[in-house]
Amino acid sequence: MLRLVLVLLLASPAVAPAVAQPLTLLRQTAGDVAFEMRVDTTATCPDAPTRLFARTDDAVTDCGSGRGVAVVWRGRDVDVLDTPMAWLGAEPDTTVEAAVAAAGDTGGPWPVERPAPARDLTDDGVPDVILTTYSGGMHCCTTHWLVALAPDGPRTLARVEALDGQAEVADLDGDGTAEWTLPDFSFAYWNESFAGSPAPTVVLAWDGERLAASPEHMRRTQLPDLPSAADVRADDAWAATRFPPTAYWATLLDLLYAGRGAEAARFADEAWAGDAIGRTVFLRMLADRIWQSPYASAVAAMNADAVDWL
């Protein structure tokens, strides 16, 4: 009997395992282009040497999350962006629970944006959309992709790393082209908790070729009420810690990012409670930190005439 069973097993034709198909949770179209939010139960991803979306580390292929946004052009996949969460538009609108248990996924809410028509965000006659992705980590990280819906296929124009924040897209000066306003989180956790870390405002604008920091618009930034030099100088933190009070360098950042270099230079001197050598050392440390920001060149250019330590 055992021999008969073995013969039957060996003689039986091989049955190909069922291939898990991705489940489309949301589909939004704009002309010939469609964006599909999918959950995929497969463990591997196809090799894609030419990607519409460049990942932070494109050498790493990680499809463990099984979630992604597919860009479909004229019925075929152009690219698939691996991301835990994504939505279309400059800001998420509502959060809904996705019914994806059937696909083996128990993940939580997916942000979904109300369908909205594409806009020409670069004033070049080609409609554009903003695809926003979120890493799924604790308060980080958000990435915005500016995608042109060109007749010969979609192409990525810019990637904006908003990190712990999110960009607001609006025409600030009424010229018909949208600007992007976002906080710069390059100073997160620098001798501070995250909640207490300064995040100065950056404004990006399309310059005809790329999305870049715009000194013209940053100089118009409306700053909150800033502390006076006298109040900062009297802060108890000067004696309690070896690092200057956050109010000191947070105010400097707000002024520098708004192109108010003369005020920043004056505040740096008047609000410092220690000796001049200590101030010089700290300002060099702050300058080094600023140059870790992707927007440092614009900040330095705006303040070059008034600040000699940046």
Protein backbone atom coordinates (compact mmCIF):
# COMPACT_ATOMS: atom_id res chain seq x y z
CA MET A 1 0.00 0.00 0.00
CA LEU A 2 2.79 2.42 0.84
CA ARG A 3 4.49 1.71 -2.49
CA LEU A 4 1.25 2.44 -4.37
CA VAL A 5 0.81 5.77 -2.64
CA LEU A 6 4.35 6.84 -3.51
CA VAL A 7 3.83 5.91 -7.15
CA LEU A 8 0.62 7.90 -7.30
CA LEU A 9 2.29 10.96 -5.76
CA LEU A 10 5.21 10.86 -8.16
CA ALA A 11 2.97 10.41 -11.15
CA SER A 12 0.63 13.29 -10.26
CA PRO A 13 1.13 16.49 -12.29
CA ALA A 14 2.65 19.42 -10.38
CA VAL A 15 0.14 22.03 -9.33
CA ALA A 16 1.43 25.59 -9.67
CA PRO A 17 0.94 27.61 -6.51
CA ALA A 18 -1.60 30.38 -6.72
CA VAL A 19 -0.03 33.77 -7.35
CA ALA A 20 -1.32 36.44 -5.02
CA GLN A 21 -2.74 39.39 -6.89
CA PRO A 22 -2.45 42.93 -5.58
CA LEU A 23 -5.60 44.43 -4.16
CA THR A 24 -6.32 47.97 -5.37
CA LEU A 25 -7.64 50.07 -2.50
CA LEU A 26 -8.01 53.35 -4.33
CA ARG A 27 -7.69 54.44 -7.93
CA GLN A 28 -7.54 58.02 -9.12
CA THR A 29 -7.15 58.99 -12.76
CA ALA A 30 -5.85 62.12 -14.43
CA GLY A 31 -5.96 61.89 -18.19
CA ASP A 32 -3.92 58.91 -19.39
CA VAL A 33 -2.38 58.43 -15.94
CA ALA A 34 -3.86 56.51 -13.04
CA PHE A 35 -2.53 56.17 -9.51
CA GLU A 36 -3.48 52.95 -7.77
CA MET A 37 -2.91 52.31 -4.08
CA ARG A 38 -2.31 48.59 -3.73
CA VAL A 39 -1.67 45.95 -1.14
CA ASP A 40 0.39 43.05 -2.46
CA THR A 41 0.88 39.76 -0.64
CA THR A 42 3.84 38.69 -2.75
CA ALA A 43 7.24 38.63 -1.05
CA THR A 44 9.31 39.91 -3.96
CA CYS A 45 9.19 42.88 -6.28
CA PRO A 46 10.08 42.95 -9.97
CA ASP A 47 13.39 44.53 -10.85
CA ALA A 48 12.83 48.09 -12.09
CA PRO A 49 16.05 49.66 -13.40
CA THR A 50 14.29 52.85 -14.49
CA ARG A 51 12.11 54.27 -11.76
CA LEU A 52 9.81 57.23 -11.98
CA PHE A 53 10.31 57.68 -8.26
CA ALA A 54 13.83 57.68 -6.79
CA ARG A 55 13.92 56.27 -3.30
CA THR A 56 16.07 57.73 -0.55
CA ASP A 57 18.34 54.70 -0.86
CA ASP A 58 17.65 53.26 -4.28
CA ALA A 59 20.15 50.44 -3.69
CA VAL A 60 17.81 48.92 -1.13
CA THR A 61 14.85 46.91 -2.36
CA ASP A 62 12.38 46.36 0.44
CA CYS A 63 8.94 45.06 -0.36
CA GLY A 64 8.22 43.64 3.05
CA SER A 65 5.38 46.07 3.67
CA GLY A 66 3.54 44.80 0.62
CA ARG A 67 2.02 48.24 0.07
CA GLY A 68 2.64 50.55 -2.82
CA VAL A 69 1.41 53.14 -5.25
CA ALA A 70 1.39 52.06 -8.86
CA VAL A 71 1.59 54.63 -11.62
CA VAL A 72 -0.35 53.32 -14.60
CA TRP A 73 0.01 55.02 -17.99
CA ARG A 74 -2.21 53.96 -20.84
CA GLY A 75 -3.02 50.69 -19.16
CA ARG A 76 0.47 49.58 -18.16
CA ASP A 77 2.48 50.01 -14.97
CA VAL A 78 5.14 52.68 -15.33
CA ASP A 79 6.45 52.45 -11.80
CA VAL A 80 5.55 51.19 -8.35
CA LEU A 81 6.54 53.21 -5.31
CA ASP A 82 6.90 51.08 -2.18
CA THR A 83 5.29 53.00 0.66
CA PRO A 84 3.15 52.18 3.67
CA MET A 85 0.81 55.11 3.05
CA ALA A 86 0.12 57.52 0.22
CA TRP A 87 -2.45 59.97 -1.01
CA LEU A 88 -2.95 62.43 -3.84
CA GLY A 89 -3.02 66.14 -3.26
CA ALA A 90 -1.06 68.58 -1.15
CA GLU A 91 -2.69 67.52 2.10
CA PRO A 92 -4.55 64.45 3.37
CA ASP A 93 -8.26 64.96 3.71
CA THR A 94 -9.75 62.12 5.70
CA THR A 95 -8.59 58.87 7.22
CA VAL A 96 -10.46 55.66 6.46
CA GLU A 97 -9.97 52.06 7.46
CA ALA A 98 -9.02 49.95 4.46
CA ALA A 99 -10.68 46.55 4.21
CA VAL A 100 -7.54 44.61 3.38
CA ALA A 101 -7.82 41.63 5.73
CA ALA A 102 -8.59 39.39 2.76
CA ALA A 103 -5.16 40.23 1.36
CA GLY A 104 -3.47 39.15 4.56
CA ASP A 105 -2.85 42.70 5.75
CA THR A 106 -3.96 43.96 9.14
CA GLY A 107 -2.57 47.45 8.72
CA GLY A 108 -4.45 50.43 10.02
CA PRO A 109 -5.72 53.62 8.46
CA TRP A 110 -4.88 54.83 4.98
CA PRO A 111 -5.13 58.56 4.33
CA VAL A 112 -7.30 59.27 1.32
CA GLU A 113 -7.67 62.56 -0.50
CA ARG A 114 -10.91 63.65 -2.13
CA PRO A 115 -10.56 63.34 -5.91
CA ALA A 116 -9.34 66.64 -7.31
CA PRO A 117 -8.35 67.63 -10.84
CA ALA A 118 -4.69 67.97 -11.68
CA ARG A 119 -3.31 71.51 -11.73
CA ASP A 120 -0.51 73.14 -13.67
CA LEU A 121 1.75 73.81 -10.69
CA THR A 122 4.78 74.85 -12.74
CA ASP A 123 3.00 77.12 -15.27
CA ASP A 124 4.41 75.22 -18.25
CA GLY A 125 1.13 74.09 -19.78
CA VAL A 126 1.42 70.54 -18.45
CA PRO A 127 -0.92 69.44 -15.62
CA ASP A 128 0.78 68.21 -12.46
CA VAL A 129 -0.19 66.23 -9.39
CA ILE A 130 1.34 65.91 -5.96
CA LEU A 131 1.76 62.42 -4.60
CA THR A 132 2.38 62.41 -0.86
CA THR A 133 3.85 59.35 0.84
CA TYR A 134 4.33 58.60 4.50
CA SER A 135 6.85 56.11 5.83
CA GLY A 136 4.58 54.91 8.61
CA GLY A 137 7.14 55.76 11.30
CA MET A 138 6.44 57.75 14.42
CA HIS A 139 5.82 61.34 13.25
CA CYS A 140 8.22 60.74 10.33
CA CYS A 141 8.63 60.80 7.42
CA THR A 142 6.56 62.56 4.78
CA THR A 143 7.73 62.89 1.17
CA HIS A 144 6.02 64.89 -1.56
CA TRP A 145 6.52 64.04 -5.24
CA LEU A 146 5.70 66.59 -7.93
CA VAL A 147 4.67 64.60 -11.01
CA ALA A 148 4.07 66.09 -14.45
CA LEU A 149 1.34 64.38 -16.47
CA ALA A 150 3.09 64.89 -19.82
CA PRO A 151 1.51 63.53 -23.02
CA ASP A 152 4.48 61.18 -23.53
CA GLY A 153 4.18 59.77 -20.03
CA PRO A 154 4.42 60.94 -16.42
CA ARG A 155 7.72 62.21 -15.07
CA THR A 156 8.90 63.24 -11.64
CA LEU A 157 9.87 66.91 -11.43
CA ALA A 158 10.79 67.12 -7.75
CA ARG A 159 10.95 65.22 -4.49
CA VAL A 160 10.41 67.26 -1.33
CA GLU A 161 11.42 65.65 1.95
CA ALA A 162 9.07 67.19 4.50
CA LEU A 163 10.34 64.77 7.19
CA ASP A 164 8.23 65.30 10.32
CA GLY A 165 6.05 67.97 8.74
CA GLN A 166 4.15 68.56 5.55
CA ALA A 167 4.25 71.10 2.76
CA GLU A 168 1.46 73.54 2.06
CA VAL A 169 1.07 74.34 -1.63
CA ALA A 170 -0.48 77.67 -2.60
CA ASP A 171 0.12 80.64 -4.88
CA LEU A 172 1.53 83.11 -2.36
CA ASP A 173 2.19 86.04 -4.68
CA GLY A 174 -0.65 85.71 -7.18
CA ASP A 175 1.59 85.05 -10.19
CA GLY A 176 -0.23 81.84 -11.16
CA THR A 177 2.51 79.46 -9.99
CA ALA A 178 2.23 77.65 -6.67
CA GLU A 179 4.84 77.93 -3.92
CA TRP A 180 5.58 75.26 -1.34
CA THR A 181 5.84 76.22 2.34
CA LEU A 182 7.26 73.72 4.80
CA PRO A 183 9.21 73.56 8.08
CA ASP A 184 12.90 72.61 8.04
CA PHE A 185 13.39 69.81 10.55
CA SER A 186 17.18 69.75 10.16
CA PHE A 187 17.50 70.89 13.79
CA ALA A 188 15.35 68.17 15.34
CA TYR A 189 16.83 66.73 18.54
CA TRP A 190 19.82 69.08 18.45
CA ASN A 191 20.34 69.54 22.21
CA GLU A 192 16.56 69.55 22.53
CA SER A 193 13.59 67.24 22.59
CA PHE A 194 11.70 66.84 19.36
CA ALA A 195 8.77 68.88 20.69
CA GLY A 196 11.10 71.70 21.64
CA SER A 197 13.18 71.66 18.46
CA PRO A 198 12.97 74.74 16.21
CA ALA A 199 11.75 74.20 12.65
CA PRO A 200 12.19 77.42 10.66
CA THR A 201 10.02 78.04 7.62
CA VAL A 202 11.24 77.38 4.07
CA VAL A 203 9.45 78.45 0.88
CA LEU A 204 10.17 76.59 -2.36
CA ALA A 205 9.30 77.87 -5.83
CA TRP A 206 9.60 76.48 -9.35
CA ASP A 207 12.40 78.37 -11.11
CA GLY A 208 11.76 76.95 -14.56
CA GLU A 209 13.95 73.89 -14.07
CA ARG A 210 13.61 72.79 -10.47
CA LEU A 211 11.82 73.33 -7.19
CA ALA A 212 14.24 75.30 -5.01
CA ALA A 213 14.33 77.51 -1.95
CA SER A 214 13.12 80.99 -2.90
CA PRO A 215 14.78 83.85 -0.97
CA GLU A 216 12.25 86.23 -2.50
CA HIS A 217 9.36 84.40 -0.85
CA MET A 218 11.19 83.49 2.36
CA ARG A 219 11.83 87.17 3.06
CA ARG A 220 8.06 87.65 3.16
CA THR A 221 7.57 85.01 5.85
CA GLN A 222 5.41 86.26 8.69
CA LEU A 223 7.31 85.44 11.87
CA PRO A 224 5.66 84.82 15.23
CA ASP A 225 6.30 87.18 18.11
CA LEU A 226 10.00 86.73 18.84
CA PRO A 227 11.46 87.07 22.33
CA SER A 228 13.45 90.18 23.11
CA ALA A 229 17.20 90.05 23.55
CA ALA A 230 16.76 91.14 27.17
CA ASP A 231 14.34 88.28 27.93
CA VAL A 232 16.65 85.68 26.39
CA ARG A 233 19.68 87.11 28.17
CA ALA A 234 17.82 86.76 31.50
CA ASP A 235 16.80 83.13 30.83
CA ASP A 236 17.65 80.83 33.76
CA ALA A 237 18.82 78.17 31.31
CA TRP A 238 22.13 80.01 30.90
CA ALA A 239 23.13 78.91 34.38
CA ALA A 240 21.34 75.55 34.39
CA THR A 241 22.86 74.02 31.25
CA ARG A 242 26.09 74.12 29.28
CA PHE A 243 24.17 74.85 26.09
CA PRO A 244 22.54 78.22 25.29
CA PRO A 245 18.76 78.40 25.79
CA THR A 246 16.79 77.15 22.82
CA ALA A 247 15.11 80.56 22.61
CA TYR A 248 18.49 82.05 21.69
CA TRP A 249 19.30 79.97 18.64
CA ALA A 250 15.65 79.36 17.64
CA THR A 251 15.23 83.12 17.29
CA LEU A 252 18.41 83.32 15.25
CA LEU A 253 17.10 80.61 12.91
CA ASP A 254 13.76 82.38 12.44
CA LEU A 255 15.53 85.62 11.54
CA LEU A 256 18.08 83.98 9.25
CA TYR A 257 15.48 81.93 7.36
CA ALA A 258 13.52 85.14 6.78
CA GLY A 259 16.59 86.89 5.40
CA ARG A 260 16.79 89.34 8.30
CA GLY A 261 20.53 89.03 8.75
CA ALA A 262 21.12 92.45 10.30
CA GLU A 263 18.58 91.70 13.05
CA ALA A 264 20.08 88.25 13.54
CA ALA A 265 23.59 89.67 13.97
CA ARG A 266 22.36 92.26 16.46
CA PHE A 267 20.34 89.69 18.41
CA ALA A 268 23.28 87.26 18.51
CA ASP A 269 25.34 89.89 20.35
CA GLU A 270 22.70 91.46 22.58
CA ALA A 271 21.01 88.24 23.77
CA TRP A 272 24.23 86.36 24.59
CA ALA A 273 24.78 86.11 28.34
CA GLY A 274 28.31 84.66 28.28
CA ASP A 275 31.68 85.88 27.13
CA ALA A 276 32.51 86.86 23.56
CA ILE A 277 34.71 83.81 22.95
CA GLY A 278 31.91 81.47 23.95
CA ARG A 279 29.53 83.28 21.63
CA THR A 280 31.94 82.95 18.72
CA VAL A 281 32.36 79.22 19.33
CA PHE A 282 28.63 78.61 19.58
CA LEU A 283 27.79 80.59 16.45
CA ARG A 284 30.29 78.47 14.53
CA MET A 285 28.57 75.36 15.90
CA LEU A 286 25.20 76.74 14.82
CA ALA A 287 26.57 77.53 11.37
CA ASP A 288 27.84 73.97 11.01
CA ARG A 289 24.39 72.70 11.90
CA ILE A 290 22.70 75.03 9.43
CA TRP A 291 24.93 73.72 6.66
CA GLN A 292 23.50 70.26 7.26
CA SER A 293 20.19 71.57 5.95
CA PRO A 294 19.38 71.12 2.24
CA TYR A 295 18.41 74.81 2.22
CA ALA A 296 21.64 76.16 3.74
CA SER A 297 22.90 77.76 0.53
CA ALA A 298 19.80 79.91 0.20
CA VAL A 299 19.89 80.90 3.88
CA ALA A 300 23.56 81.86 3.64
CA ALA A 301 23.02 83.88 0.45
CA MET A 302 20.17 85.86 2.00
CA ASN A 303 22.29 86.90 4.98
CA ALA A 304 25.79 87.15 3.53
CA ASP A 305 25.97 90.95 3.77
CA ALA A 306 25.14 91.07 7.49
CA VAL A 307 26.33 87.78 9.04
CA ASP A 308 30.03 86.85 8.86
CA TRP A 309 29.85 83.58 10.77
CA LEU A 310 27.48 81.67 8.49
